Amino acid sequence: MTMDRVFIEDLRIQTVIGIFDWEREITQTISIDLQMAFDISRAAESDDIVDTLDYKAVSKRLIQFVEASEFQLVEALAGHCARIVLDEFPVSWLRLKLSKPGAVRGSSAVGVIIERGKT
């Protein structure tokens, strides 16, 4: 198993998320931190984008999905985001942190951290 990780940190996306009626009427910011297992040794030798995991493509795909979504729970949104990355990109394992900034008074953010691997 590779120990290399490609990461995306604090990817902020506007979406409809939440269980309360008022949350269904507005968009809120969510933040995604993502670590993805990917062997970067070929890219380290070639210095060529075709040999690595394109984190811009991963980010664009997540932005497109999250902006169009209307989940109630951060757990559901996180699970779907993880499935997209594992299904559509050459990633064998990931750790995804999905935060909802300002959701609870007195905290900077709340959310979930999940780890998933290819089955």
C-alpha atoms as a PDB file:
ATOM      1  CA  MET A   1       0.000   0.000   0.000  1.00  0.00           C
ATOM      2  CA  THR A   2       1.322   3.416  -0.935  1.00  0.00           C
ATOM      3  CA  MET A   3       1.998   5.964   1.773  1.00  0.00           C
ATOM      4  CA  ASP A   4       1.896   8.935  -0.597  1.00  0.00           C
ATOM      5  CA  ARG A   5      -1.022  11.311  -0.236  1.00  0.00           C
ATOM      6  CA  VAL A   6      -2.346  14.060  -2.440  1.00  0.00           C
ATOM      7  CA  PHE A   7      -4.425  16.573  -0.503  1.00  0.00           C
ATOM      8  CA  ILE A   8      -6.945  19.347  -0.951  1.00  0.00           C
ATOM      9  CA  GLU A   9      -7.463  21.619   2.033  1.00  0.00           C
ATOM     10  CA  ASP A  10     -10.384  23.912   2.880  1.00  0.00           C
ATOM     11  CA  LEU A  11     -12.245  23.595  -0.420  1.00  0.00           C
ATOM     12  CA  ARG A  12     -15.181  25.923   0.267  1.00  0.00           C
ATOM     13  CA  ILE A  13     -18.412  25.314  -1.623  1.00  0.00           C
ATOM     14  CA  GLN A  14     -21.888  26.859  -1.394  1.00  0.00           C
ATOM     15  CA  THR A  15     -24.786  24.405  -1.167  1.00  0.00           C
ATOM     16  CA  VAL A  16     -28.191  23.747   0.333  1.00  0.00           C
ATOM     17  CA  ILE A  17     -27.533  21.651   3.461  1.00  0.00           C
ATOM     18  CA  GLY A  18     -29.461  21.155   6.678  1.00  0.00           C
ATOM     19  CA  ILE A  19     -32.595  19.809   8.305  1.00  0.00           C
ATOM     20  CA  PHE A  20     -34.346  23.021   9.285  1.00  0.00           C
ATOM     21  CA  ASP A  21     -36.857  24.766   7.016  1.00  0.00           C
ATOM     22  CA  TRP A  22     -34.779  27.963   6.897  1.00  0.00           C
ATOM     23  CA  GLU A  23     -31.722  25.935   5.799  1.00  0.00           C
ATOM     24  CA  ARG A  24     -33.653  24.588   2.818  1.00  0.00           C
ATOM     25  CA  GLU A  25     -34.217  28.178   1.605  1.00  0.00           C
ATOM     26  CA  ILE A  26     -30.583  29.358   1.513  1.00  0.00           C
ATOM     27  CA  THR A  27     -27.113  28.188   0.543  1.00  0.00           C
ATOM     28  CA  GLN A  28     -24.466  27.672   3.188  1.00  0.00           C
ATOM     29  CA  THR A  29     -20.727  27.184   2.983  1.00  0.00           C
ATOM     30  CA  ILE A  30     -19.246  23.762   3.560  1.00  0.00           C
ATOM     31  CA  SER A  31     -15.519  23.058   3.680  1.00  0.00           C
ATOM     32  CA  ILE A  32     -13.833  19.882   2.467  1.00  0.00           C
ATOM     33  CA  ASP A  33     -10.381  18.642   3.452  1.00  0.00           C
ATOM     34  CA  LEU A  34      -9.379  15.598   1.445  1.00  0.00           C
ATOM     35  CA  GLN A  35      -6.379  13.260   1.639  1.00  0.00           C
ATOM     36  CA  MET A  36      -6.106  10.715  -1.171  1.00  0.00           C
ATOM     37  CA  ALA A  37      -3.730   7.749  -1.360  1.00  0.00           C
ATOM     38  CA  PHE A  38      -1.890   7.887  -4.661  1.00  0.00           C
ATOM     39  CA  ASP A  39       1.593   6.724  -5.604  1.00  0.00           C
ATOM     40  CA  ILE A  40       3.377   9.881  -6.779  1.00  0.00           C
ATOM     41  CA  SER A  41       6.704   8.198  -7.601  1.00  0.00           C
ATOM     42  CA  ARG A  42       6.134   8.203 -11.376  1.00  0.00           C
ATOM     43  CA  ALA A  43       5.233  11.907 -11.344  1.00  0.00           C
ATOM     44  CA  ALA A  44       8.238  12.648  -9.134  1.00  0.00           C
ATOM     45  CA  GLU A  45      10.476  11.172 -11.849  1.00  0.00           C
ATOM     46  CA  SER A  46       8.705  12.483 -14.960  1.00  0.00           C
ATOM     47  CA  ASP A  47       7.554  15.911 -13.747  1.00  0.00           C
ATOM     48  CA  ASP A  48       4.502  15.370 -16.003  1.00  0.00           C
ATOM     49  CA  ILE A  49       0.880  16.018 -15.011  1.00  0.00           C
ATOM     50  CA  VAL A  50      -0.305  12.872 -16.788  1.00  0.00           C
ATOM     51  CA  ASP A  51       1.563  10.791 -14.202  1.00  0.00           C
ATOM     52  CA  THR A  52      -0.136  12.207 -11.136  1.00  0.00           C
ATOM     53  CA  LEU A  53      -3.536  12.705  -9.555  1.00  0.00           C
ATOM     54  CA  ASP A  54      -4.979  15.950 -10.906  1.00  0.00           C
ATOM     55  CA  TYR A  55      -6.229  17.653  -7.746  1.00  0.00           C
ATOM     56  CA  LYS A  56      -7.770  20.438  -9.832  1.00  0.00           C
ATOM     57  CA  ALA A  57      -9.962  17.879 -11.633  1.00  0.00           C
ATOM     58  CA  VAL A  58     -10.957  16.336  -8.293  1.00  0.00           C
ATOM     59  CA  SER A  59     -11.814  19.784  -6.905  1.00  0.00           C
ATOM     60  CA  LYS A  60     -13.848  20.790  -9.955  1.00  0.00           C
ATOM     61  CA  ARG A  61     -15.811  17.530  -9.834  1.00  0.00           C
ATOM     62  CA  LEU A  62     -16.625  17.953  -6.135  1.00  0.00           C
ATOM     63  CA  ILE A  63     -17.609  21.605  -6.624  1.00  0.00           C
ATOM     64  CA  GLN A  64     -19.940  20.635  -9.470  1.00  0.00           C
ATOM     65  CA  PHE A  65     -21.580  17.876  -7.403  1.00  0.00           C
ATOM     66  CA  VAL A  66     -21.864  19.749  -4.099  1.00  0.00           C
ATOM     67  CA  GLU A  67     -23.239  22.965  -5.620  1.00  0.00           C
ATOM     68  CA  ALA A  68     -26.038  20.964  -7.289  1.00  0.00           C
ATOM     69  CA  SER A  69     -26.845  18.877  -4.208  1.00  0.00           C
ATOM     70  CA  GLU A  70     -29.465  19.449  -1.511  1.00  0.00           C
ATOM     71  CA  PHE A  71     -28.612  17.023   1.289  1.00  0.00           C
ATOM     72  CA  GLN A  72     -30.015  17.298   4.792  1.00  0.00           C
ATOM     73  CA  LEU A  73     -27.068  15.678   6.583  1.00  0.00           C
ATOM     74  CA  VAL A  74     -23.343  16.326   6.291  1.00  0.00           C
ATOM     75  CA  GLU A  75     -22.907  12.563   6.755  1.00  0.00           C
ATOM     76  CA  ALA A  76     -24.795  11.863   3.526  1.00  0.00           C
ATOM     77  CA  LEU A  77     -22.958  14.560   1.572  1.00  0.00           C
ATOM     78  CA  ALA A  78     -19.575  13.309   2.815  1.00  0.00           C
ATOM     79  CA  GLY A  79     -20.388   9.729   1.845  1.00  0.00           C
ATOM     80  CA  HIS A  80     -21.448  10.703  -1.665  1.00  0.00           C
ATOM     81  CA  CYS A  81     -18.340  12.873  -2.154  1.00  0.00           C
ATOM     82  CA  ALA A  82     -16.102   9.992  -1.067  1.00  0.00           C
ATOM     83  CA  ARG A  83     -17.830   7.600  -3.476  1.00  0.00           C
ATOM     84  CA  ILE A  84     -17.344  10.040  -6.392  1.00  0.00           C
ATOM     85  CA  VAL A  85     -13.602  10.364  -5.736  1.00  0.00           C
ATOM     86  CA  LEU A  86     -13.093   6.610  -5.340  1.00  0.00           C
ATOM     87  CA  ASP A  87     -15.197   5.754  -8.409  1.00  0.00           C
ATOM     88  CA  GLU A  88     -13.936   8.424 -10.792  1.00  0.00           C
ATOM     89  CA  PHE A  89     -10.267   8.906  -9.887  1.00  0.00           C
ATOM     90  CA  PRO A  90      -7.294   6.528  -9.425  1.00  0.00           C
ATOM     91  CA  VAL A  91      -7.420   6.752  -5.629  1.00  0.00           C
ATOM     92  CA  SER A  92      -7.242   3.603  -3.470  1.00  0.00           C
ATOM     93  CA  TRP A  93      -8.108   5.224  -0.119  1.00  0.00           C
ATOM     94  CA  LEU A  94      -9.202   8.600   1.181  1.00  0.00           C
ATOM     95  CA  ARG A  95      -9.849  10.564   4.330  1.00  0.00           C
ATOM     96  CA  LEU A  96     -12.482  13.255   3.884  1.00  0.00           C
ATOM     97  CA  LYS A  97     -13.342  15.925   6.434  1.00  0.00           C
ATOM     98  CA  LEU A  98     -16.539  17.809   5.683  1.00  0.00           C
ATOM     99  CA  SER A  99     -17.153  20.852   7.885  1.00  0.00           C
ATOM    100  CA  LYS A 100     -20.077  23.187   8.239  1.00  0.00           C
ATOM    101  CA  PRO A 101     -18.571  26.455   9.518  1.00  0.00           C
ATOM    102  CA  GLY A 102     -20.669  28.440  11.958  1.00  0.00           C
ATOM    103  CA  ALA A 103     -23.340  25.751  12.361  1.00  0.00           C
ATOM    104  CA  VAL A 104     -23.075  25.706  16.147  1.00  0.00           C
ATOM    105  CA  ARG A 105     -22.753  28.895  18.152  1.00  0.00           C
ATOM    106  CA  GLY A 106     -19.411  29.026  19.931  1.00  0.00           C
ATOM    107  CA  SER A 107     -17.602  26.667  17.534  1.00  0.00           C
ATOM    108  CA  SER A 108     -15.718  27.454  14.359  1.00  0.00           C
ATOM    109  CA  ALA A 109     -17.194  24.413  12.576  1.00  0.00           C
ATOM    110  CA  VAL A 110     -18.863  21.042  12.996  1.00  0.00           C
ATOM    111  CA  GLY A 111     -18.877  18.054  10.687  1.00  0.00           C
ATOM    112  CA  VAL A 112     -17.587  14.561  10.035  1.00  0.00           C
ATOM    113  CA  ILE A 113     -14.348  12.816   9.122  1.00  0.00           C
ATOM    114  CA  ILE A 114     -14.660   9.603   7.134  1.00  0.00           C
ATOM    115  CA  GLU A 115     -12.168   7.139   5.706  1.00  0.00           C
ATOM    116  CA  ARG A 116     -13.008   4.959   2.732  1.00  0.00           C
ATOM    117  CA  GLY A 117     -11.141   2.573   0.471  1.00  0.00           C
ATOM    118  CA  LYS A 118     -11.870   0.811  -2.776  1.00  0.00           C
ATOM    119  CA  THR A 119     -13.669  -2.465  -2.247  1.00  0.00           C
END
